[in-house]
Amino acid sequence: FRLGPMNYEQTAASLTLFNDKVIPGL
């Protein structure tokens, strides 16, 4: 989820969205 120079806040938001909204869709 953390790619290159991406900051922690962006990574945490992506990780949380994946958990909350992507996993249910799969």
mmCIF file of all heavy atoms, coordinates in Angstrom:
data_MODEL
# 
_entry.id   MODEL 
# 
loop_
_atom_site.group_PDB 
_atom_site.id 
_atom_site.type_symbol 
_atom_site.label_atom_id 
_atom_site.label_alt_id 
_atom_site.label_comp_id 
_atom_site.label_asym_id 
_atom_site.label_entity_id 
_atom_site.label_seq_id 
_atom_site.pdbx_PDB_ins_code 
_atom_site.Cartn_x 
_atom_site.Cartn_y 
_atom_site.Cartn_z 
_atom_site.occupancy 
_atom_site.B_iso_or_equiv 
_atom_site.pdbx_formal_charge 
_atom_site.auth_seq_id 
_atom_site.auth_comp_id 
_atom_site.auth_asym_id 
_atom_site.auth_atom_id 
_atom_site.pdbx_PDB_model_num 
ATOM 1   N N   . PHE A 1 1  ? 0.815   -1.218  0.000  1.00 0.00 ? 1  PHE A N   1 
ATOM 2   C CA  . PHE A 1 1  ? 0.000   0.000   0.000  1.00 0.00 ? 1  PHE A CA  1 
ATOM 3   C C   . PHE A 1 1  ? 0.850   1.270   0.000  1.00 0.00 ? 1  PHE A C   1 
ATOM 4   O O   . PHE A 1 1  ? 0.460   2.266   -0.601 1.00 0.00 ? 1  PHE A O   1 
ATOM 5   C CB  . PHE A 1 1  ? -0.938  0.005   1.213  1.00 0.00 ? 1  PHE A CB  1 
ATOM 6   C CG  . PHE A 1 1  ? -2.089  -0.947  1.094  1.00 0.00 ? 1  PHE A CG  1 
ATOM 7   C CD1 . PHE A 1 1  ? -1.988  -2.240  1.564  1.00 0.00 ? 1  PHE A CD1 1 
ATOM 8   C CD2 . PHE A 1 1  ? -3.272  -0.559  0.483  1.00 0.00 ? 1  PHE A CD2 1 
ATOM 9   C CE1 . PHE A 1 1  ? -3.043  -3.135  1.448  1.00 0.00 ? 1  PHE A CE1 1 
ATOM 10  C CE2 . PHE A 1 1  ? -4.340  -1.443  0.363  1.00 0.00 ? 1  PHE A CE2 1 
ATOM 11  C CZ  . PHE A 1 1  ? -4.219  -2.738  0.849  1.00 0.00 ? 1  PHE A CZ  1 
ATOM 12  N N   . ARG A 1 2  ? 1.977   1.266   0.691  1.00 0.00 ? 2  ARG A N   1 
ATOM 13  C CA  . ARG A 1 2  ? 2.845   2.447   0.686  1.00 0.00 ? 2  ARG A CA  1 
ATOM 14  C C   . ARG A 1 2  ? 3.808   2.341   -0.485 1.00 0.00 ? 2  ARG A C   1 
ATOM 15  O O   . ARG A 1 2  ? 4.633   1.430   -0.555 1.00 0.00 ? 2  ARG A O   1 
ATOM 16  C CB  . ARG A 1 2  ? 3.628   2.570   2.000  1.00 0.00 ? 2  ARG A CB  1 
ATOM 17  C CG  . ARG A 1 2  ? 4.465   3.843   2.052  1.00 0.00 ? 2  ARG A CG  1 
ATOM 18  C CD  . ARG A 1 2  ? 4.966   4.146   3.451  1.00 0.00 ? 2  ARG A CD  1 
ATOM 19  N NE  . ARG A 1 2  ? 5.613   5.455   3.482  1.00 0.00 ? 2  ARG A NE  1 
ATOM 20  C CZ  . ARG A 1 2  ? 5.818   6.166   4.592  1.00 0.00 ? 2  ARG A CZ  1 
ATOM 21  N NH1 . ARG A 1 2  ? 5.436   5.685   5.773  1.00 0.00 ? 2  ARG A NH1 1 
ATOM 22  N NH2 . ARG A 1 2  ? 6.408   7.338   4.541  1.00 0.00 ? 2  ARG A NH2 1 
ATOM 23  N N   . LEU A 1 3  ? 3.728   3.280   -1.397 1.00 0.00 ? 3  LEU A N   1 
ATOM 24  C CA  . LEU A 1 3  ? 4.484   3.240   -2.639 1.00 0.00 ? 3  LEU A CA  1 
ATOM 25  C C   . LEU A 1 3  ? 5.468   4.397   -2.675 1.00 0.00 ? 3  LEU A C   1 
ATOM 26  O O   . LEU A 1 3  ? 5.070   5.569   -2.666 1.00 0.00 ? 3  LEU A O   1 
ATOM 27  C CB  . LEU A 1 3  ? 3.541   3.323   -3.839 1.00 0.00 ? 3  LEU A CB  1 
ATOM 28  C CG  . LEU A 1 3  ? 2.375   2.326   -3.852 1.00 0.00 ? 3  LEU A CG  1 
ATOM 29  C CD1 . LEU A 1 3  ? 1.450   2.609   -5.030 1.00 0.00 ? 3  LEU A CD1 1 
ATOM 30  C CD2 . LEU A 1 3  ? 2.880   0.899   -3.894 1.00 0.00 ? 3  LEU A CD2 1 
ATOM 31  N N   . GLY A 1 4  ? 6.747   4.083   -2.725 1.00 0.00 ? 4  GLY A N   1 
ATOM 32  C CA  . GLY A 1 4  ? 7.779   5.096   -2.892 1.00 0.00 ? 4  GLY A CA  1 
ATOM 33  C C   . GLY A 1 4  ? 7.682   6.226   -1.894 1.00 0.00 ? 4  GLY A C   1 
ATOM 34  O O   . GLY A 1 4  ? 7.624   6.005   -0.683 1.00 0.00 ? 4  GLY A O   1 
ATOM 35  N N   . PRO A 1 5  ? 7.637   7.485   -2.368 1.00 0.00 ? 5  PRO A N   1 
ATOM 36  C CA  . PRO A 1 5  ? 7.636   8.643   -1.480 1.00 0.00 ? 5  PRO A CA  1 
ATOM 37  C C   . PRO A 1 5  ? 6.279   8.964   -0.867 1.00 0.00 ? 5  PRO A C   1 
ATOM 38  O O   . PRO A 1 5  ? 6.121   9.996   -0.198 1.00 0.00 ? 5  PRO A O   1 
ATOM 39  C CB  . PRO A 1 5  ? 8.093   9.774   -2.403 1.00 0.00 ? 5  PRO A CB  1 
ATOM 40  C CG  . PRO A 1 5  ? 7.584   9.375   -3.754 1.00 0.00 ? 5  PRO A CG  1 
ATOM 41  C CD  . PRO A 1 5  ? 7.726   7.874   -3.796 1.00 0.00 ? 5  PRO A CD  1 
ATOM 42  N N   . MET A 1 6  ? 5.288   8.113   -1.067 1.00 0.00 ? 6  MET A N   1 
ATOM 43  C CA  . MET A 1 6  ? 3.965   8.339   -0.490 1.00 0.00 ? 6  MET A CA  1 
ATOM 44  C C   . MET A 1 6  ? 4.081   8.531   1.022  1.00 0.00 ? 6  MET A C   1 
ATOM 45  O O   . MET A 1 6  ? 4.858   7.845   1.691  1.00 0.00 ? 6  MET A O   1 
ATOM 46  C CB  . MET A 1 6  ? 3.088   7.135   -0.810 1.00 0.00 ? 6  MET A CB  1 
ATOM 47  C CG  . MET A 1 6  ? 1.616   7.291   -0.495 1.00 0.00 ? 6  MET A CG  1 
ATOM 48  S SD  . MET A 1 6  ? 0.718   5.781   -0.994 1.00 0.00 ? 6  MET A SD  1 
ATOM 49  C CE  . MET A 1 6  ? 0.810   5.917   -2.793 1.00 0.00 ? 6  MET A CE  1 
ATOM 50  N N   . ASN A 1 7  ? 3.307   9.472   1.601  1.00 0.00 ? 7  ASN A N   1 
ATOM 51  C CA  . ASN A 1 7  ? 3.419   9.707   3.036  1.00 0.00 ? 7  ASN A CA  1 
ATOM 52  C C   . ASN A 1 7  ? 2.511   8.760   3.824  1.00 0.00 ? 7  ASN A C   1 
ATOM 53  O O   . ASN A 1 7  ? 1.667   8.057   3.255  1.00 0.00 ? 7  ASN A O   1 
ATOM 54  C CB  . ASN A 1 7  ? 3.133   11.180  3.387  1.00 0.00 ? 7  ASN A CB  1 
ATOM 55  C CG  . ASN A 1 7  ? 1.708   11.608  3.058  1.00 0.00 ? 7  ASN A CG  1 
ATOM 56  O OD1 . ASN A 1 7  ? 0.746   10.907  3.333  1.00 0.00 ? 7  ASN A OD1 1 
ATOM 57  N ND2 . ASN A 1 7  ? 1.573   12.801  2.465  1.00 0.00 ? 7  ASN A ND2 1 
ATOM 58  N N   . TYR A 1 8  ? 2.713   8.741   5.138  1.00 0.00 ? 8  TYR A N   1 
ATOM 59  C CA  . TYR A 1 8  ? 1.972   7.807   5.984  1.00 0.00 ? 8  TYR A CA  1 
ATOM 60  C C   . TYR A 1 8  ? 0.469   8.074   5.922  1.00 0.00 ? 8  TYR A C   1 
ATOM 61  O O   . TYR A 1 8  ? -0.335  7.136   5.868  1.00 0.00 ? 8  TYR A O   1 
ATOM 62  C CB  . TYR A 1 8  ? 2.454   7.870   7.430  1.00 0.00 ? 8  TYR A CB  1 
ATOM 63  C CG  . TYR A 1 8  ? 1.571   7.041   8.336  1.00 0.00 ? 8  TYR A CG  1 
ATOM 64  C CD1 . TYR A 1 8  ? 1.672   5.654   8.338  1.00 0.00 ? 8  TYR A CD1 1 
ATOM 65  C CD2 . TYR A 1 8  ? 0.581   7.637   9.117  1.00 0.00 ? 8  TYR A CD2 1 
ATOM 66  C CE1 . TYR A 1 8  ? 0.823   4.871   9.121  1.00 0.00 ? 8  TYR A CE1 1 
ATOM 67  C CE2 . TYR A 1 8  ? -0.267  6.860   9.900  1.00 0.00 ? 8  TYR A CE2 1 
ATOM 68  C CZ  . TYR A 1 8  ? -0.144  5.482   9.898  1.00 0.00 ? 8  TYR A CZ  1 
ATOM 69  O OH  . TYR A 1 8  ? -0.992  4.723   10.666 1.00 0.00 ? 8  TYR A OH  1 
ATOM 70  N N   . GLU A 1 9  ? 0.072   9.330   5.943  1.00 0.00 ? 9  GLU A N   1 
ATOM 71  C CA  . GLU A 1 9  ? -1.349  9.667   5.961  1.00 0.00 ? 9  GLU A CA  1 
ATOM 72  C C   . GLU A 1 9  ? -2.059  9.147   4.717  1.00 0.00 ? 9  GLU A C   1 
ATOM 73  O O   . GLU A 1 9  ? -3.178  8.609   4.804  1.00 0.00 ? 9  GLU A O   1 
ATOM 74  C CB  . GLU A 1 9  ? -1.537  11.181  6.092  1.00 0.00 ? 9  GLU A CB  1 
ATOM 75  C CG  . GLU A 1 9  ? -1.165  11.742  7.449  1.00 0.00 ? 9  GLU A CG  1 
ATOM 76  C CD  . GLU A 1 9  ? 0.342   11.783  7.699  1.00 0.00 ? 9  GLU A CD  1 
ATOM 77  O OE1 . GLU A 1 9  ? 1.117   11.790  6.711  1.00 0.00 ? 9  GLU A OE1 1 
ATOM 78  O OE2 . GLU A 1 9  ? 0.741   11.792  8.887  1.00 0.00 ? 9  GLU A OE2 1 
ATOM 79  N N   . GLN A 1 10 ? -1.435  9.290   3.554  1.00 0.00 ? 10 GLN A N   1 
ATOM 80  C CA  . GLN A 1 10 ? -2.025  8.761   2.319  1.00 0.00 ? 10 GLN A CA  1 
ATOM 81  C C   . GLN A 1 10 ? -2.136  7.238   2.375  1.00 0.00 ? 10 GLN A C   1 
ATOM 82  O O   . GLN A 1 10 ? -3.143  6.651   1.969  1.00 0.00 ? 10 GLN A O   1 
ATOM 83  C CB  . GLN A 1 10 ? -1.172  9.180   1.118  1.00 0.00 ? 10 GLN A CB  1 
ATOM 84  C CG  . GLN A 1 10 ? -1.221  10.672  0.823  1.00 0.00 ? 10 GLN A CG  1 
ATOM 85  C CD  . GLN A 1 10 ? -0.145  11.092  -0.167 1.00 0.00 ? 10 GLN A CD  1 
ATOM 86  O OE1 . GLN A 1 10 ? 0.979   10.567  -0.155 1.00 0.00 ? 10 GLN A OE1 1 
ATOM 87  N NE2 . GLN A 1 10 ? -0.487  12.036  -1.041 1.00 0.00 ? 10 GLN A NE2 1 
ATOM 88  N N   . THR A 1 11 ? -1.082  6.609   2.894  1.00 0.00 ? 11 THR A N   1 
ATOM 89  C CA  . THR A 1 11 ? -1.071  5.151   3.002  1.00 0.00 ? 11 THR A CA  1 
ATOM 90  C C   . THR A 1 11 ? -2.167  4.661   3.942  1.00 0.00 ? 11 THR A C   1 
ATOM 91  O O   . THR A 1 11 ? -2.905  3.717   3.625  1.00 0.00 ? 11 THR A O   1 
ATOM 92  C CB  . THR A 1 11 ? 0.303   4.674   3.511  1.00 0.00 ? 11 THR A CB  1 
ATOM 93  O OG1 . THR A 1 11 ? 1.334   5.195   2.674  1.00 0.00 ? 11 THR A OG1 1 
ATOM 94  C CG2 . THR A 1 11 ? 0.374   3.164   3.540  1.00 0.00 ? 11 THR A CG2 1 
ATOM 95  N N   . ALA A 1 12 ? -2.280  5.288   5.108  1.00 0.00 ? 12 ALA A N   1 
ATOM 96  C CA  . ALA A 1 12 ? -3.281  4.876   6.093  1.00 0.00 ? 12 ALA A CA  1 
ATOM 97  C C   . ALA A 1 12 ? -4.692  5.045   5.553  1.00 0.00 ? 12 ALA A C   1 
ATOM 98  O O   . ALA A 1 12 ? -5.566  4.193   5.780  1.00 0.00 ? 12 ALA A O   1 
ATOM 99  C CB  . ALA A 1 12 ? -3.098  5.672   7.382  1.00 0.00 ? 12 ALA A CB  1 
ATOM 100 N N   . ALA A 1 13 ? -4.927  6.133   4.818  1.00 0.00 ? 13 ALA A N   1 
ATOM 101 C CA  . ALA A 1 13 ? -6.255  6.363   4.240  1.00 0.00 ? 13 ALA A CA  1 
ATOM 102 C C   . ALA A 1 13 ? -6.584  5.289   3.210  1.00 0.00 ? 13 ALA A C   1 
ATOM 103 O O   . ALA A 1 13 ? -7.708  4.767   3.162  1.00 0.00 ? 13 ALA A O   1 
ATOM 104 C CB  . ALA A 1 13 ? -6.317  7.750   3.612  1.00 0.00 ? 13 ALA A CB  1 
ATOM 105 N N   . SER A 1 14 ? -5.609  4.936   2.366  1.00 0.00 ? 14 SER A N   1 
ATOM 106 C CA  . SER A 1 14 ? -5.816  3.903   1.356  1.00 0.00 ? 14 SER A CA  1 
ATOM 107 C C   . SER A 1 14 ? -6.080  2.550   2.004  1.00 0.00 ? 14 SER A C   1 
ATOM 108 O O   . SER A 1 14 ? -7.003  1.816   1.613  1.00 0.00 ? 14 SER A O   1 
ATOM 109 C CB  . SER A 1 14 ? -4.579  3.827   0.457  1.00 0.00 ? 14 SER A CB  1 
ATOM 110 O OG  . SER A 1 14 ? -4.622  2.714   -0.403 1.00 0.00 ? 14 SER A OG  1 
ATOM 111 N N   . LEU A 1 15 ? -5.281  2.217   2.991  1.00 0.00 ? 15 LEU A N   1 
ATOM 112 C CA  . LEU A 1 15 ? -5.418  0.940   3.699  1.00 0.00 ? 15 LEU A CA  1 
ATOM 113 C C   . LEU A 1 15 ? -6.795  0.824   4.351  1.00 0.00 ? 15 LEU A C   1 
ATOM 114 O O   . LEU A 1 15 ? -7.463  -0.221  4.278  1.00 0.00 ? 15 LEU A O   1 
ATOM 115 C CB  . LEU A 1 15 ? -4.312  0.839   4.743  1.00 0.00 ? 15 LEU A CB  1 
ATOM 116 C CG  . LEU A 1 15 ? -4.108  -0.453  5.506  1.00 0.00 ? 15 LEU A CG  1 
ATOM 117 C CD1 . LEU A 1 15 ? -3.755  -1.594  4.563  1.00 0.00 ? 15 LEU A CD1 1 
ATOM 118 C CD2 . LEU A 1 15 ? -2.995  -0.277  6.544  1.00 0.00 ? 15 LEU A CD2 1 
ATOM 119 N N   . THR A 1 16 ? -7.244  1.912   4.961  1.00 0.00 ? 16 THR A N   1 
ATOM 120 C CA  . THR A 1 16 ? -8.541  1.906   5.636  1.00 0.00 ? 16 THR A CA  1 
ATOM 121 C C   . THR A 1 16 ? -9.688  1.806   4.637  1.00 0.00 ? 16 THR A C   1 
ATOM 122 O O   . THR A 1 16 ? -10.663 1.068   4.848  1.00 0.00 ? 16 THR A O   1 
ATOM 123 C CB  . THR A 1 16 ? -8.683  3.165   6.504  1.00 0.00 ? 16 THR A CB  1 
ATOM 124 O OG1 . THR A 1 16 ? -7.593  3.223   7.439  1.00 0.00 ? 16 THR A OG1 1 
ATOM 125 C CG2 . THR A 1 16 ? -9.992  3.163   7.265  1.00 0.00 ? 16 THR A CG2 1 
ATOM 126 N N   . LEU A 1 17 ? -9.592  2.547   3.519  1.00 0.00 ? 17 LEU A N   1 
ATOM 127 C CA  . LEU A 1 17 ? -10.616 2.450   2.477  1.00 0.00 ? 17 LEU A CA  1 
ATOM 128 C C   . LEU A 1 17 ? -10.689 1.035   1.906  1.00 0.00 ? 17 LEU A C   1 
ATOM 129 O O   . LEU A 1 17 ? -11.784 0.515   1.635  1.00 0.00 ? 17 LEU A O   1 
ATOM 130 C CB  . LEU A 1 17 ? -10.319 3.435   1.354  1.00 0.00 ? 17 LEU A CB  1 
ATOM 131 C CG  . LEU A 1 17 ? -10.939 4.832   1.433  1.00 0.00 ? 17 LEU A CG  1 
ATOM 132 C CD1 . LEU A 1 17 ? -10.447 5.691   0.280  1.00 0.00 ? 17 LEU A CD1 1 
ATOM 133 C CD2 . LEU A 1 17 ? -12.470 4.747   1.416  1.00 0.00 ? 17 LEU A CD2 1 
ATOM 134 N N   . PHE A 1 18 ? -9.533  0.418   1.718  1.00 0.00 ? 18 PHE A N   1 
ATOM 135 C CA  . PHE A 1 18 ? -9.532  -0.951  1.196  1.00 0.00 ? 18 PHE A CA  1 
ATOM 136 C C   . PHE A 1 18 ? -10.276 -1.876  2.154  1.00 0.00 ? 18 PHE A C   1 
ATOM 137 O O   . PHE A 1 18 ? -11.112 -2.696  1.735  1.00 0.00 ? 18 PHE A O   1 
ATOM 138 C CB  . PHE A 1 18 ? -8.103  -1.462  0.992  1.00 0.00 ? 18 PHE A CB  1 
ATOM 139 C CG  . PHE A 1 18 ? -8.047  -2.790  0.314  1.00 0.00 ? 18 PHE A CG  1 
ATOM 140 C CD1 . PHE A 1 18 ? -7.904  -2.871  -1.066 1.00 0.00 ? 18 PHE A CD1 1 
ATOM 141 C CD2 . PHE A 1 18 ? -8.138  -3.974  1.028  1.00 0.00 ? 18 PHE A CD2 1 
ATOM 142 C CE1 . PHE A 1 18 ? -7.876  -4.109  -1.702 1.00 0.00 ? 18 PHE A CE1 1 
ATOM 143 C CE2 . PHE A 1 18 ? -8.110  -5.211  0.403  1.00 0.00 ? 18 PHE A CE2 1 
ATOM 144 C CZ  . PHE A 1 18 ? -7.980  -5.271  -0.968 1.00 0.00 ? 18 PHE A CZ  1 
ATOM 145 N N   . ASN A 1 19 ? -9.994  -1.724  3.432  1.00 0.00 ? 19 ASN A N   1 
ATOM 146 C CA  . ASN A 1 19 ? -10.639 -2.569  4.431  1.00 0.00 ? 19 ASN A CA  1 
ATOM 147 C C   . ASN A 1 19 ? -12.149 -2.329  4.478  1.00 0.00 ? 19 ASN A C   1 
ATOM 148 O O   . ASN A 1 19 ? -12.945 -3.272  4.525  1.00 0.00 ? 19 ASN A O   1 
ATOM 149 C CB  . ASN A 1 19 ? -10.027 -2.315  5.798  1.00 0.00 ? 19 ASN A CB  1 
ATOM 150 C CG  . ASN A 1 19 ? -10.630 -3.180  6.882  1.00 0.00 ? 19 ASN A CG  1 
ATOM 151 O OD1 . ASN A 1 19 ? -10.329 -4.358  6.964  1.00 0.00 ? 19 ASN A OD1 1 
ATOM 152 N ND2 . ASN A 1 19 ? -11.466 -2.585  7.718  1.00 0.00 ? 19 ASN A ND2 1 
ATOM 153 N N   . ASP A 1 20 ? -12.537 -1.063  4.453  1.00 0.00 ? 20 ASP A N   1 
ATOM 154 C CA  . ASP A 1 20 ? -13.940 -0.715  4.672  1.00 0.00 ? 20 ASP A CA  1 
ATOM 155 C C   . ASP A 1 20 ? -14.812 -0.885  3.436  1.00 0.00 ? 20 ASP A C   1 
ATOM 156 O O   . ASP A 1 20 ? -16.002 -1.231  3.556  1.00 0.00 ? 20 ASP A O   1 
ATOM 157 C CB  . ASP A 1 20 ? -14.055 0.728   5.172  1.00 0.00 ? 20 ASP A CB  1 
ATOM 158 C CG  . ASP A 1 20 ? -13.427 0.924   6.547  1.00 0.00 ? 20 ASP A CG  1 
ATOM 159 O OD1 . ASP A 1 20 ? -13.127 -0.094  7.214  1.00 0.00 ? 20 ASP A OD1 1 
ATOM 160 O OD2 . ASP A 1 20 ? -13.215 2.091   6.941  1.00 0.00 ? 20 ASP A OD2 1 
ATOM 161 N N   . LYS A 1 21 ? -14.222 -0.633  2.238  1.00 0.00 ? 21 LYS A N   1 
ATOM 162 C CA  . LYS A 1 21 ? -15.071 -0.555  1.048  1.00 0.00 ? 21 LYS A CA  1 
ATOM 163 C C   . LYS A 1 21 ? -14.685 -1.527  -0.072 1.00 0.00 ? 21 LYS A C   1 
ATOM 164 O O   . LYS A 1 21 ? -15.540 -1.820  -0.918 1.00 0.00 ? 21 LYS A O   1 
ATOM 165 C CB  . LYS A 1 21 ? -15.078 0.878   0.506  1.00 0.00 ? 21 LYS A CB  1 
ATOM 166 C CG  . LYS A 1 21 ? -15.695 1.891   1.459  1.00 0.00 ? 21 LYS A CG  1 
ATOM 167 C CD  . LYS A 1 21 ? -15.814 3.266   0.808  1.00 0.00 ? 21 LYS A CD  1 
ATOM 168 C CE  . LYS A 1 21 ? -16.489 4.269   1.750  1.00 0.00 ? 21 LYS A CE  1 
ATOM 169 N NZ  . LYS A 1 21 ? -16.644 5.603   1.118  1.00 0.00 ? 21 LYS A NZ  1 
ATOM 170 N N   . VAL A 1 22 ? -13.433 -2.007  -0.100 1.00 0.00 ? 22 VAL A N   1 
ATOM 171 C CA  . VAL A 1 22 ? -13.049 -2.924  -1.172 1.00 0.00 ? 22 VAL A CA  1 
ATOM 172 C C   . VAL A 1 22 ? -13.304 -4.370  -0.767 1.00 0.00 ? 22 VAL A C   1 
ATOM 173 O O   . VAL A 1 22 ? -13.881 -5.149  -1.535 1.00 0.00 ? 22 VAL A O   1 
ATOM 174 C CB  . VAL A 1 22 ? -11.567 -2.735  -1.570 1.00 0.00 ? 22 VAL A CB  1 
ATOM 175 C CG1 . VAL A 1 22 ? -11.180 -3.754  -2.648 1.00 0.00 ? 22 VAL A CG1 1 
ATOM 176 C CG2 . VAL A 1 22 ? -11.339 -1.317  -2.080 1.00 0.00 ? 22 VAL A CG2 1 
ATOM 177 N N   . ILE A 1 23 ? -12.885 -4.734  0.441  1.00 0.00 ? 23 ILE A N   1 
ATOM 178 C CA  . ILE A 1 23 ? -13.052 -6.133  0.867  1.00 0.00 ? 23 ILE A CA  1 
ATOM 179 C C   . ILE A 1 23 ? -14.523 -6.567  0.785  1.00 0.00 ? 23 ILE A C   1 
ATOM 180 O O   . ILE A 1 23 ? -14.806 -7.660  0.264  1.00 0.00 ? 23 ILE A O   1 
ATOM 181 C CB  . ILE A 1 23 ? -12.466 -6.339  2.269  1.00 0.00 ? 23 ILE A CB  1 
ATOM 182 C CG1 . ILE A 1 23 ? -10.928 -6.227  2.216  1.00 0.00 ? 23 ILE A CG1 1 
ATOM 183 C CG2 . ILE A 1 23 ? -12.875 -7.702  2.831  1.00 0.00 ? 23 ILE A CG2 1 
ATOM 184 C CD1 . ILE A 1 23 ? -10.237 -6.353  3.565  1.00 0.00 ? 23 ILE A CD1 1 
ATOM 185 N N   . PRO A 1 24 ? -15.476 -5.744  1.239  1.00 0.00 ? 24 PRO A N   1 
ATOM 186 C CA  . PRO A 1 24 ? -16.871 -6.182  1.082  1.00 0.00 ? 24 PRO A CA  1 
ATOM 187 C C   . PRO A 1 24 ? -17.283 -6.411  -0.369 1.00 0.00 ? 24 PRO A C   1 
ATOM 188 O O   . PRO A 1 24 ? -18.120 -7.282  -0.661 1.00 0.00 ? 24 PRO A O   1 
ATOM 189 C CB  . PRO A 1 24 ? -17.669 -5.028  1.706  1.00 0.00 ? 24 PRO A CB  1 
ATOM 190 C CG  . PRO A 1 24 ? -16.737 -4.407  2.682  1.00 0.00 ? 24 PRO A CG  1 
ATOM 191 C CD  . PRO A 1 24 ? -15.384 -4.510  2.045  1.00 0.00 ? 24 PRO A CD  1 
ATOM 192 N N   . GLY A 1 25 ? -16.674 -5.651  -1.290 1.00 0.00 ? 25 GLY A N   1 
ATOM 193 C CA  . GLY A 1 25 ? -16.985 -5.824  -2.708 1.00 0.00 ? 25 GLY A CA  1 
ATOM 194 C C   . GLY A 1 25 ? -16.385 -7.063  -3.328 1.00 0.00 ? 25 GLY A C   1 
ATOM 195 O O   . GLY A 1 25 ? -16.766 -7.488  -4.420 1.00 0.00 ? 25 GLY A O   1 
ATOM 196 N N   . LEU A 1 26 ? -15.419 -7.659  -2.627 1.00 0.00 ? 26 LEU A N   1 
ATOM 197 C CA  . LEU A 1 26 ? -14.800 -8.888  -3.118 1.00 0.00 ? 26 LEU A CA  1 
ATOM 198 C C   . LEU A 1 26 ? -15.381 -10.129 -2.442 1.00 0.00 ? 26 LEU A C   1 
ATOM 199 O O   . LEU A 1 26 ? -14.885 -11.223 -2.646 1.00 0.00 ? 26 LEU A O   1 
ATOM 200 C CB  . LEU A 1 26 ? -13.273 -8.833  -2.886 1.00 0.00 ? 26 LEU A CB  1 
ATOM 201 C CG  . LEU A 1 26 ? -12.512 -7.890  -3.816 1.00 0.00 ? 26 LEU A CG  1 
ATOM 202 C CD1 . LEU A 1 26 ? -11.101 -7.682  -3.325 1.00 0.00 ? 26 LEU A CD1 1 
ATOM 203 C CD2 . LEU A 1 26 ? -12.496 -8.439  -5.236 1.00 0.00 ? 26 LEU A CD2 1 
# 
